[in-house]
Protein backbone atom coordinates (compact mmCIF):
# COMPACT_ATOMS: atom_id res chain seq x y z
CA MET A 1 0.00 0.00 0.00
CA ASN A 2 1.20 3.48 -0.82
CA THR A 3 0.33 6.30 1.53
CA ARG A 4 -1.62 8.97 -0.32
CA PHE A 5 -2.86 10.99 2.63
CA ILE A 6 -1.56 11.81 6.10
CA GLY A 7 -4.08 13.63 8.20
CA VAL A 8 -6.36 13.65 11.19
CA ALA A 9 -10.05 12.97 11.60
CA LEU A 10 -12.13 16.09 12.13
CA GLY A 11 -15.30 14.09 12.56
CA GLU A 12 -17.12 11.19 10.95
CA GLY A 13 -16.17 11.16 7.29
CA MET A 14 -14.17 14.40 7.55
CA TRP A 15 -10.38 14.46 7.37
CA SER A 16 -7.82 17.23 7.36
CA GLU A 17 -4.51 16.75 5.55
CA LYS A 18 -1.53 17.59 7.79
CA CYS A 19 1.38 16.24 5.73
CA ARG A 20 2.02 15.66 2.04
CA ALA A 21 4.85 13.19 2.66
CA CYS A 22 7.01 15.27 0.33
CA GLY A 23 10.24 13.68 1.51
CA SER A 24 11.93 16.95 2.47
CA CYS A 25 10.31 17.77 5.78
CA ILE A 26 10.65 21.25 7.29
CA VAL A 27 7.93 20.90 9.91
CA GLY A 28 10.49 20.99 12.75
CA GLU A 29 11.62 24.44 11.66
CA TYR A 30 8.08 25.81 11.85
CA GLY A 31 6.86 24.60 15.22
CA GLY A 32 5.21 21.45 13.94
CA ILE A 33 3.09 23.16 11.27
CA CYS A 34 3.78 22.33 7.63
CA PRO A 35 3.46 25.36 5.35
CA MET A 36 3.58 23.08 2.28
CA THR A 37 0.32 21.46 3.36
CA ILE A 38 -1.52 24.06 5.42
CA CYS A 39 -0.79 27.15 3.26
CA ALA A 40 -3.12 27.31 0.23
CA LYS A 41 -0.16 28.53 -1.86
CA SER A 42 2.43 26.24 -0.20
CA LEU A 43 4.61 29.25 0.62
CA LEU A 44 7.83 28.41 2.44
CA ASN A 45 9.13 31.82 3.46
CA GLY A 46 6.24 33.69 4.98
CA ALA A 47 2.71 34.78 4.34
CA CYS A 48 1.49 36.05 0.98
CA GLY A 49 -0.01 39.23 2.38
CA GLY A 50 -3.56 38.28 1.46
CA SER A 51 -4.62 37.04 4.88
CA LYS A 52 -7.03 39.09 6.96
CA ASN A 53 -7.71 38.69 10.68
CA GLY A 54 -5.70 35.46 10.70
CA LYS A 55 -7.73 33.86 7.93
CA CYS A 56 -6.51 32.77 4.50
CA GLU A 57 -7.53 34.73 1.44
CA ALA A 58 -8.41 31.39 -0.22
CA GLY A 59 -11.29 30.95 2.23
CA GLN A 60 -12.44 32.74 5.35
CA ASP A 61 -13.04 29.40 7.10
CA LYS A 62 -9.34 28.48 6.70
CA ASP A 63 -6.69 29.74 9.13
CA CYS A 64 -3.61 31.34 7.57
CA ALA A 65 -0.77 28.84 7.94
CA TRP A 66 1.75 31.59 8.60
CA VAL A 67 -0.32 33.13 11.39
CA LEU A 68 -0.49 29.64 12.94
CA ILE A 69 3.28 29.19 12.50
CA TYR A 70 4.07 32.63 13.95
CA ASN A 71 1.84 32.05 16.99
CA ARG A 72 3.30 28.58 17.61
CA LEU A 73 6.91 29.79 17.35
CA LYS A 74 6.11 32.74 19.61
CA LYS A 75 4.77 30.35 22.27
CA GLN A 76 7.95 28.28 21.89
CA ASN A 77 10.09 31.43 22.14
CA ARG A 78 11.60 30.57 18.73
CA LEU A 79 10.68 33.50 16.47
CA ASP A 80 14.31 33.60 15.32
CA ALA A 81 13.48 30.54 13.21
CA LEU A 82 11.58 32.85 10.85
CA LYS A 83 14.72 34.83 10.00
CA GLY A 84 16.14 32.09 7.77
CA PHE A 85 15.37 31.38 4.14
CA VAL A 86 14.12 28.05 2.80
CA THR A 87 15.04 27.17 -0.78
CA ALA A 88 12.34 26.12 -3.21
CA LYS A 89 11.38 22.46 -3.31
CA ASP A 90 10.79 20.25 -6.32
CA ASN A 91 7.05 19.71 -6.25
CA SER A 92 6.84 18.07 -9.67
CA THR A 93 6.06 14.66 -8.14
CA GLN A 94 3.48 15.99 -5.67
CA THR A 95 -0.24 15.83 -6.27
CA HIS A 96 -2.13 18.27 -4.13
CA PRO A 97 -4.91 17.91 -3.54
CA GLY A 98 -4.16 14.23 -3.99
CA THR A 99 -6.03 12.13 -6.49
CA TYR A 100 -5.29 8.54 -7.30
CA SER A 101 -6.69 5.97 -9.69
CA ASN A 102 -5.83 2.37 -9.04
CA ALA A 103 -4.52 0.79 -12.25
CA ALA A 104 -6.50 -2.37 -11.48
CA TYR A 105 -9.71 -0.44 -12.15
CA LEU A 106 -8.44 0.98 -15.42
CA GLU A 107 -7.13 -2.20 -17.05
CA PRO A 108 -9.00 -5.45 -17.68
CA THR A 109 -7.68 -8.27 -15.50
CA VAL A 110 -9.76 -11.26 -16.60
CA ALA A 111 -8.78 -13.16 -19.74
CA GLY A 112 -11.10 -12.34 -22.63
CA THR A 113 -12.28 -9.00 -21.28
CA GLU A 114 -9.85 -7.17 -23.56
CA GLU A 115 -12.01 -8.14 -26.55
CA LYS A 116 -15.20 -6.91 -24.83
CA HIS A 117 -13.60 -3.55 -24.02
CA ALA A 118 -12.20 -3.21 -27.54
CA LYS A 119 -15.66 -3.74 -29.12
CA GLN A 120 -17.36 -1.15 -26.92
């Protein structure tokens, strides 16, 4: 099995993605909050400037990741962590939001079904 989603349950049938499993984790630098996942624009070096009252410009029901990061680092007395610069990451292999189609559902697996699919 390949992991396609790492998140937490918000309620029955509702999940919130917390990690993209990108392979180059920076969550420790940002107080346990991943800007790649939580920020609507996946910004690595600070907020975009479009947030208002701590909410993301992409949706007023979504908290701005960088406000969350700032508040967490402030509580940890680690605001100096925001003075650094993070280089861009190669996101070409990432699918976000993730979608996945199992190849078994796309290709016939029973002998003789190839002819049926070809005729249709």
